[in-house]
Amino acid sequence: MIESYPMKRTLLFLSLLIIPGLSMADDIILPDKNPFMGTYQNQVAFGIGQGFDTGILLPPPVRPVPFYIGTFQYSQPTTFFRVPARRSINISETLGLYEKYGWDWPDYTVPMMYFTEDIALFRYEQIYAGMGAGAGLQAKENERLGAKLLFQFKVTFGYNFNKKWAAEFFIQHFSNANTAEENHSYAFYGLGFTYNY
């Protein structure tokens, strides 16, 4: 039987973040600058994340597992209903090391490719926050995500060191959106660095 309740909680959480962000965007975000990229037209990012024992983000997972993600991202600036945004292509690799909490994590070592769009929720001086969603494919099915099709949701908190470099803390969720019988999802908390050019 498919558990849809955790997915509904995650979608509710994301909705509560995005709606106030869209309503406040004109007051907080300067229209001539993109909080993710400033005035630059290209961005590359590298990130690593720690996996947790549940695929949902609320309540926050508390038990880390031997499951990790590494991501390369290329982005260009765009807007989403006049709100500054970035559109990206992502290539990720998950890495599982050993069994823990009843899951054999090496079975979930798999490459993924997905397209995302992040919108800016707010910016205050050098600090910004964003939220995004996307879709793509993982290279193989497994007992956590029983489909190659996957959907991604992400919340980002960033800090601009200067015009070119920034650090981003992220919370990331992958699911197949109940398109297959198995949908235990993946959840990661991580840190990345972006470079604009």
C-alpha atoms as a PDB file:
ATOM      1  CA  MET A   1       0.000   0.000   0.000  1.00  0.00           C
ATOM      2  CA  ILE A   2       1.316   3.440  -0.904  1.00  0.00           C
ATOM      3  CA  GLU A   3       1.874   5.929   1.900  1.00  0.00           C
ATOM      4  CA  SER A   4       0.804   9.354   0.585  1.00  0.00           C
ATOM      5  CA  TYR A   5       0.501  11.144   3.949  1.00  0.00           C
ATOM      6  CA  PRO A   6       4.229  12.033   4.237  1.00  0.00           C
ATOM      7  CA  MET A   7       4.203  13.429   0.701  1.00  0.00           C
ATOM      8  CA  LYS A   8       1.152  15.564   1.538  1.00  0.00           C
ATOM      9  CA  ARG A   9       2.939  16.971   4.613  1.00  0.00           C
ATOM     10  CA  THR A  10       5.983  17.836   2.515  1.00  0.00           C
ATOM     11  CA  LEU A  11       3.839  19.569  -0.137  1.00  0.00           C
ATOM     12  CA  LEU A  12       1.962  21.508   2.560  1.00  0.00           C
ATOM     13  CA  PHE A  13       5.268  22.650   4.075  1.00  0.00           C
ATOM     14  CA  LEU A  14       6.553  23.810   0.677  1.00  0.00           C
ATOM     15  CA  SER A  15       3.288  25.646  -0.025  1.00  0.00           C
ATOM     16  CA  LEU A  16       3.532  27.489   3.291  1.00  0.00           C
ATOM     17  CA  LEU A  17       7.007  28.679   2.276  1.00  0.00           C
ATOM     18  CA  ILE A  18       6.258  29.718  -1.285  1.00  0.00           C
ATOM     19  CA  ILE A  19       2.960  31.628  -0.920  1.00  0.00           C
ATOM     20  CA  PRO A  20       4.243  34.241   1.577  1.00  0.00           C
ATOM     21  CA  GLY A  21       7.470  34.497  -0.421  1.00  0.00           C
ATOM     22  CA  LEU A  22       5.599  35.343  -3.620  1.00  0.00           C
ATOM     23  CA  SER A  23       3.444  37.941  -1.863  1.00  0.00           C
ATOM     24  CA  MET A  24       6.465  39.697  -0.301  1.00  0.00           C
ATOM     25  CA  ALA A  25       8.831  39.399  -3.264  1.00  0.00           C
ATOM     26  CA  ASP A  26       8.280  42.931  -4.659  1.00  0.00           C
ATOM     27  CA  ASP A  27       9.025  44.498  -1.274  1.00  0.00           C
ATOM     28  CA  ILE A  28      12.127  42.484  -0.369  1.00  0.00           C
ATOM     29  CA  ILE A  29      13.885  41.546  -3.626  1.00  0.00           C
ATOM     30  CA  LEU A  30      15.310  44.250  -5.840  1.00  0.00           C
ATOM     31  CA  PRO A  31      13.977  43.692  -9.380  1.00  0.00           C
ATOM     32  CA  ASP A  32      17.324  44.377 -11.099  1.00  0.00           C
ATOM     33  CA  LYS A  33      19.263  41.660  -9.248  1.00  0.00           C
ATOM     34  CA  ASN A  34      18.837  37.942  -8.903  1.00  0.00           C
ATOM     35  CA  PRO A  35      19.627  36.821  -5.312  1.00  0.00           C
ATOM     36  CA  PHE A  36      21.105  33.565  -6.600  1.00  0.00           C
ATOM     37  CA  MET A  37      23.306  35.085  -9.318  1.00  0.00           C
ATOM     38  CA  GLY A  38      23.348  38.886  -9.107  1.00  0.00           C
ATOM     39  CA  THR A  39      23.798  40.238 -12.627  1.00  0.00           C
ATOM     40  CA  TYR A  40      25.735  37.215 -13.936  1.00  0.00           C
ATOM     41  CA  GLN A  41      24.270  34.927 -16.596  1.00  0.00           C
ATOM     42  CA  ASN A  42      25.870  31.605 -15.633  1.00  0.00           C
ATOM     43  CA  GLN A  43      26.434  29.682 -12.419  1.00  0.00           C
ATOM     44  CA  VAL A  44      28.036  26.385 -11.480  1.00  0.00           C
ATOM     45  CA  ALA A  45      27.545  24.734  -8.112  1.00  0.00           C
ATOM     46  CA  PHE A  46      28.918  21.740  -6.273  1.00  0.00           C
ATOM     47  CA  GLY A  47      27.201  20.244  -3.240  1.00  0.00           C
ATOM     48  CA  ILE A  48      27.370  17.294  -0.885  1.00  0.00           C
ATOM     49  CA  GLY A  49      24.629  16.029   1.391  1.00  0.00           C
ATOM     50  CA  GLN A  50      24.018  13.649   4.272  1.00  0.00           C
ATOM     51  CA  GLY A  51      21.120  11.210   3.947  1.00  0.00           C
ATOM     52  CA  PHE A  52      18.587  10.524   6.692  1.00  0.00           C
ATOM     53  CA  ASP A  53      16.472   7.516   7.585  1.00  0.00           C
ATOM     54  CA  THR A  54      13.240   8.972   6.259  1.00  0.00           C
ATOM     55  CA  GLY A  55      12.390  10.451   2.908  1.00  0.00           C
ATOM     56  CA  ILE A  56      10.160  13.163   4.370  1.00  0.00           C
ATOM     57  CA  LEU A  57      11.348  16.561   5.591  1.00  0.00           C
ATOM     58  CA  LEU A  58       8.674  17.203   8.237  1.00  0.00           C
ATOM     59  CA  PRO A  59       9.105  16.434  11.011  1.00  0.00           C
ATOM     60  CA  PRO A  60      12.839  16.896  10.414  1.00  0.00           C
ATOM     61  CA  PRO A  61      14.639  13.547  10.213  1.00  0.00           C
ATOM     62  CA  VAL A  62      16.992  12.969  13.142  1.00  0.00           C
ATOM     63  CA  ARG A  63      18.813   9.712  12.349  1.00  0.00           C
ATOM     64  CA  PRO A  64      21.617  10.039   9.782  1.00  0.00           C
ATOM     65  CA  VAL A  65      22.314   6.981   7.662  1.00  0.00           C
ATOM     66  CA  PRO A  66      25.341   5.878   5.586  1.00  0.00           C
ATOM     67  CA  PHE A  67      23.842   7.495   2.477  1.00  0.00           C
ATOM     68  CA  TYR A  68      25.278  10.557   0.733  1.00  0.00           C
ATOM     69  CA  ILE A  69      24.758  12.688  -2.354  1.00  0.00           C
ATOM     70  CA  GLY A  70      27.149  14.667  -4.524  1.00  0.00           C
ATOM     71  CA  THR A  71      25.779  17.145  -7.065  1.00  0.00           C
ATOM     72  CA  PHE A  72      27.055  19.282  -9.932  1.00  0.00           C
ATOM     73  CA  GLN A  73      24.618  21.995 -11.060  1.00  0.00           C
ATOM     74  CA  TYR A  74      24.681  24.451 -13.955  1.00  0.00           C
ATOM     75  CA  SER A  75      22.211  27.370 -13.784  1.00  0.00           C
ATOM     76  CA  GLN A  76      21.010  30.405 -15.704  1.00  0.00           C
ATOM     77  CA  PRO A  77      18.878  33.263 -14.337  1.00  0.00           C
ATOM     78  CA  THR A  78      15.189  33.473 -15.099  1.00  0.00           C
ATOM     79  CA  THR A  79      11.961  34.672 -13.453  1.00  0.00           C
ATOM     80  CA  PHE A  80       8.900  32.866 -12.160  1.00  0.00           C
ATOM     81  CA  PHE A  81       5.826  35.130 -12.311  1.00  0.00           C
ATOM     82  CA  ARG A  82       8.223  38.125 -12.113  1.00  0.00           C
ATOM     83  CA  VAL A  83      10.024  36.669  -9.085  1.00  0.00           C
ATOM     84  CA  PRO A  84      13.785  36.195  -9.624  1.00  0.00           C
ATOM     85  CA  ALA A  85      14.673  32.551 -10.162  1.00  0.00           C
ATOM     86  CA  ARG A  86      17.270  30.203 -11.632  1.00  0.00           C
ATOM     87  CA  ARG A  87      16.790  27.274 -13.978  1.00  0.00           C
ATOM     88  CA  SER A  88      19.270  24.410 -13.611  1.00  0.00           C
ATOM     89  CA  ILE A  89      20.406  21.071 -14.904  1.00  0.00           C
ATOM     90  CA  ASN A  90      21.696  18.776 -12.161  1.00  0.00           C
ATOM     91  CA  ILE A  91      23.820  15.646 -12.240  1.00  0.00           C
ATOM     92  CA  SER A  92      23.941  13.789  -8.924  1.00  0.00           C
ATOM     93  CA  GLU A  93      25.342  10.567  -7.543  1.00  0.00           C
ATOM     94  CA  THR A  94      24.067   8.917  -4.393  1.00  0.00           C
ATOM     95  CA  LEU A  95      26.380   6.696  -2.377  1.00  0.00           C
ATOM     96  CA  GLY A  96      25.300   4.095   0.180  1.00  0.00           C
ATOM     97  CA  LEU A  97      27.920   2.408   2.349  1.00  0.00           C
ATOM     98  CA  TYR A  98      26.360  -0.286   4.563  1.00  0.00           C
ATOM     99  CA  GLU A  99      23.100  -1.509   6.091  1.00  0.00           C
ATOM    100  CA  LYS A 100      21.427   0.508   8.838  1.00  0.00           C
ATOM    101  CA  TYR A 101      17.891   0.811  10.249  1.00  0.00           C
ATOM    102  CA  GLY A 102      16.727  -2.088   8.087  1.00  0.00           C
ATOM    103  CA  TRP A 103      17.834  -0.630   4.747  1.00  0.00           C
ATOM    104  CA  ASP A 104      20.729  -1.904   2.645  1.00  0.00           C
ATOM    105  CA  TRP A 105      22.063   1.518   1.600  1.00  0.00           C
ATOM    106  CA  PRO A 106      24.600   0.321  -1.042  1.00  0.00           C
ATOM    107  CA  ASP A 107      21.584  -0.819  -3.106  1.00  0.00           C
ATOM    108  CA  TYR A 108      20.612   2.857  -3.521  1.00  0.00           C
ATOM    109  CA  THR A 109      23.914   4.025  -5.007  1.00  0.00           C
ATOM    110  CA  VAL A 110      22.678   5.443  -8.292  1.00  0.00           C
ATOM    111  CA  PRO A 111      23.353   8.372 -10.678  1.00  0.00           C
ATOM    112  CA  MET A 112      20.548  10.862 -11.332  1.00  0.00           C
ATOM    113  CA  MET A 113      19.923  13.716 -13.762  1.00  0.00           C
ATOM    114  CA  TYR A 114      17.138  16.246 -13.261  1.00  0.00           C
ATOM    115  CA  PHE A 115      16.021  19.734 -14.260  1.00  0.00           C
ATOM    116  CA  THR A 116      15.003  22.224 -11.570  1.00  0.00           C
ATOM    117  CA  GLU A 117      13.787  25.763 -11.054  1.00  0.00           C
ATOM    118  CA  ASP A 118      14.468  27.636  -7.801  1.00  0.00           C
ATOM    119  CA  ILE A 119      12.621  30.833  -6.919  1.00  0.00           C
ATOM    120  CA  ALA A 120      13.873  33.496  -4.524  1.00  0.00           C
ATOM    121  CA  LEU A 121      11.752  33.772  -1.381  1.00  0.00           C
ATOM    122  CA  PHE A 122      13.645  36.657   0.210  1.00  0.00           C
ATOM    123  CA  ARG A 123      16.980  38.430   0.357  1.00  0.00           C
ATOM    124  CA  TYR A 124      18.451  40.569   3.097  1.00  0.00           C
ATOM    125  CA  GLU A 125      21.859  42.026   2.292  1.00  0.00           C
ATOM    126  CA  GLN A 126      24.109  38.977   1.700  1.00  0.00           C
ATOM    127  CA  ILE A 127      21.600  36.363   2.925  1.00  0.00           C
ATOM    128  CA  TYR A 128      18.919  34.819   0.735  1.00  0.00           C
ATOM    129  CA  ALA A 129      16.492  31.910   0.711  1.00  0.00           C
ATOM    130  CA  GLY A 130      14.863  30.014  -2.098  1.00  0.00           C
ATOM    131  CA  MET A 131      12.706  27.051  -2.870  1.00  0.00           C
ATOM    132  CA  GLY A 132      12.599  24.849  -5.921  1.00  0.00           C
ATOM    133  CA  ALA A 133      11.182  21.820  -7.639  1.00  0.00           C
ATOM    134  CA  GLY A 134      12.188  19.662 -10.544  1.00  0.00           C
ATOM    135  CA  ALA A 135      11.899  16.361 -12.364  1.00  0.00           C
ATOM    136  CA  GLY A 136      14.289  13.875 -13.881  1.00  0.00           C
ATOM    137  CA  LEU A 137      15.489  10.286 -13.906  1.00  0.00           C
ATOM    138  CA  GLN A 138      17.538   7.951 -11.773  1.00  0.00           C
ATOM    139  CA  ALA A 139      19.539   5.260 -13.545  1.00  0.00           C
ATOM    140  CA  LYS A 140      17.733   2.306 -11.951  1.00  0.00           C
ATOM    141  CA  GLU A 141      14.732   1.411  -9.849  1.00  0.00           C
ATOM    142  CA  ASN A 142      15.155   0.115  -6.294  1.00  0.00           C
ATOM    143  CA  GLU A 143      13.040  -0.780  -3.275  1.00  0.00           C
ATOM    144  CA  ARG A 144      13.051   2.811  -1.989  1.00  0.00           C
ATOM    145  CA  LEU A 145      12.033   4.459  -5.275  1.00  0.00           C
ATOM    146  CA  GLY A 146      10.395   1.858  -7.471  1.00  0.00           C
ATOM    147  CA  ALA A 147      10.558   3.998 -10.626  1.00  0.00           C
ATOM    148  CA  LYS A 148      13.227   5.698 -12.679  1.00  0.00           C
ATOM    149  CA  LEU A 149      11.094   8.853 -12.810  1.00  0.00           C
ATOM    150  CA  LEU A 150      11.782  11.144  -9.859  1.00  0.00           C
ATOM    151  CA  PHE A 151      10.671  14.512  -8.572  1.00  0.00           C
ATOM    152  CA  GLN A 152      12.774  16.814  -6.439  1.00  0.00           C
ATOM    153  CA  PHE A 153      11.901  19.511  -3.905  1.00  0.00           C
ATOM    154  CA  LYS A 154      14.527  21.733  -2.335  1.00  0.00           C
ATOM    155  CA  VAL A 155      14.766  24.547   0.204  1.00  0.00           C
ATOM    156  CA  THR A 156      17.929  26.661   0.098  1.00  0.00           C
ATOM    157  CA  PHE A 157      19.482  29.192   2.485  1.00  0.00           C
ATOM    158  CA  GLY A 158      22.431  31.063   0.986  1.00  0.00           C
ATOM    159  CA  TYR A 159      25.138  33.546   1.895  1.00  0.00           C
ATOM    160  CA  ASN A 160      26.958  35.652  -0.715  1.00  0.00           C
ATOM    161  CA  PHE A 161      30.646  36.045   0.129  1.00  0.00           C
ATOM    162  CA  ASN A 162      31.015  38.422  -2.822  1.00  0.00           C
ATOM    163  CA  LYS A 163      29.506  38.874  -6.297  1.00  0.00           C
ATOM    164  CA  LYS A 164      30.877  35.564  -7.580  1.00  0.00           C
ATOM    165  CA  TRP A 165      30.950  33.135  -4.649  1.00  0.00           C
ATOM    166  CA  ALA A 166      28.230  31.935  -2.292  1.00  0.00           C
ATOM    167  CA  ALA A 167      27.590  29.067   0.110  1.00  0.00           C
ATOM    168  CA  GLU A 168      24.200  27.359   0.277  1.00  0.00           C
ATOM    169  CA  PHE A 169      22.723  25.113   2.946  1.00  0.00           C
ATOM    170  CA  PHE A 170      20.032  22.909   1.435  1.00  0.00           C
ATOM    171  CA  ILE A 171      17.302  20.468   2.398  1.00  0.00           C
ATOM    172  CA  GLN A 172      16.458  18.148  -0.491  1.00  0.00           C
ATOM    173  CA  HIS A 173      13.710  15.575  -1.044  1.00  0.00           C
ATOM    174  CA  PHE A 174      13.407  13.046  -3.871  1.00  0.00           C
ATOM    175  CA  SER A 175      10.245  11.060  -4.571  1.00  0.00           C
ATOM    176  CA  ASN A 176       8.504   9.329  -7.446  1.00  0.00           C
ATOM    177  CA  ALA A 177       5.234  11.088  -6.465  1.00  0.00           C
ATOM    178  CA  ASN A 178       3.475   7.750  -6.022  1.00  0.00           C
ATOM    179  CA  THR A 179       3.919   6.783  -9.677  1.00  0.00           C
ATOM    180  CA  ALA A 180       5.109   3.359  -8.471  1.00  0.00           C
ATOM    181  CA  GLU A 181       4.242   1.026  -5.613  1.00  0.00           C
ATOM    182  CA  GLU A 182       7.490   1.716  -3.717  1.00  0.00           C
ATOM    183  CA  ASN A 183       7.926   5.361  -2.735  1.00  0.00           C
ATOM    184  CA  HIS A 184       9.997   5.626   0.451  1.00  0.00           C
ATOM    185  CA  SER A 185      11.844   8.663  -0.951  1.00  0.00           C
ATOM    186  CA  TYR A 186      15.276  10.104  -0.162  1.00  0.00           C
ATOM    187  CA  ALA A 187      16.044  13.053   2.141  1.00  0.00           C
ATOM    188  CA  PHE A 188      19.316  14.975   2.340  1.00  0.00           C
ATOM    189  CA  TYR A 189      20.665  17.911   4.293  1.00  0.00           C
ATOM    190  CA  GLY A 190      23.749  19.402   2.699  1.00  0.00           C
ATOM    191  CA  LEU A 191      26.101  22.227   1.861  1.00  0.00           C
ATOM    192  CA  GLY A 192      27.118  23.590  -1.522  1.00  0.00           C
ATOM    193  CA  PHE A 193      29.155  26.363  -3.099  1.00  0.00           C
ATOM    194  CA  THR A 194      28.175  28.403  -6.140  1.00  0.00           C
ATOM    195  CA  TYR A 195      30.309  30.371  -8.583  1.00  0.00           C
ATOM    196  CA  ASN A 196      28.867  33.004 -10.922  1.00  0.00           C
ATOM    197  CA  TYR A 197      30.440  34.029 -14.208  1.00  0.00           C
END
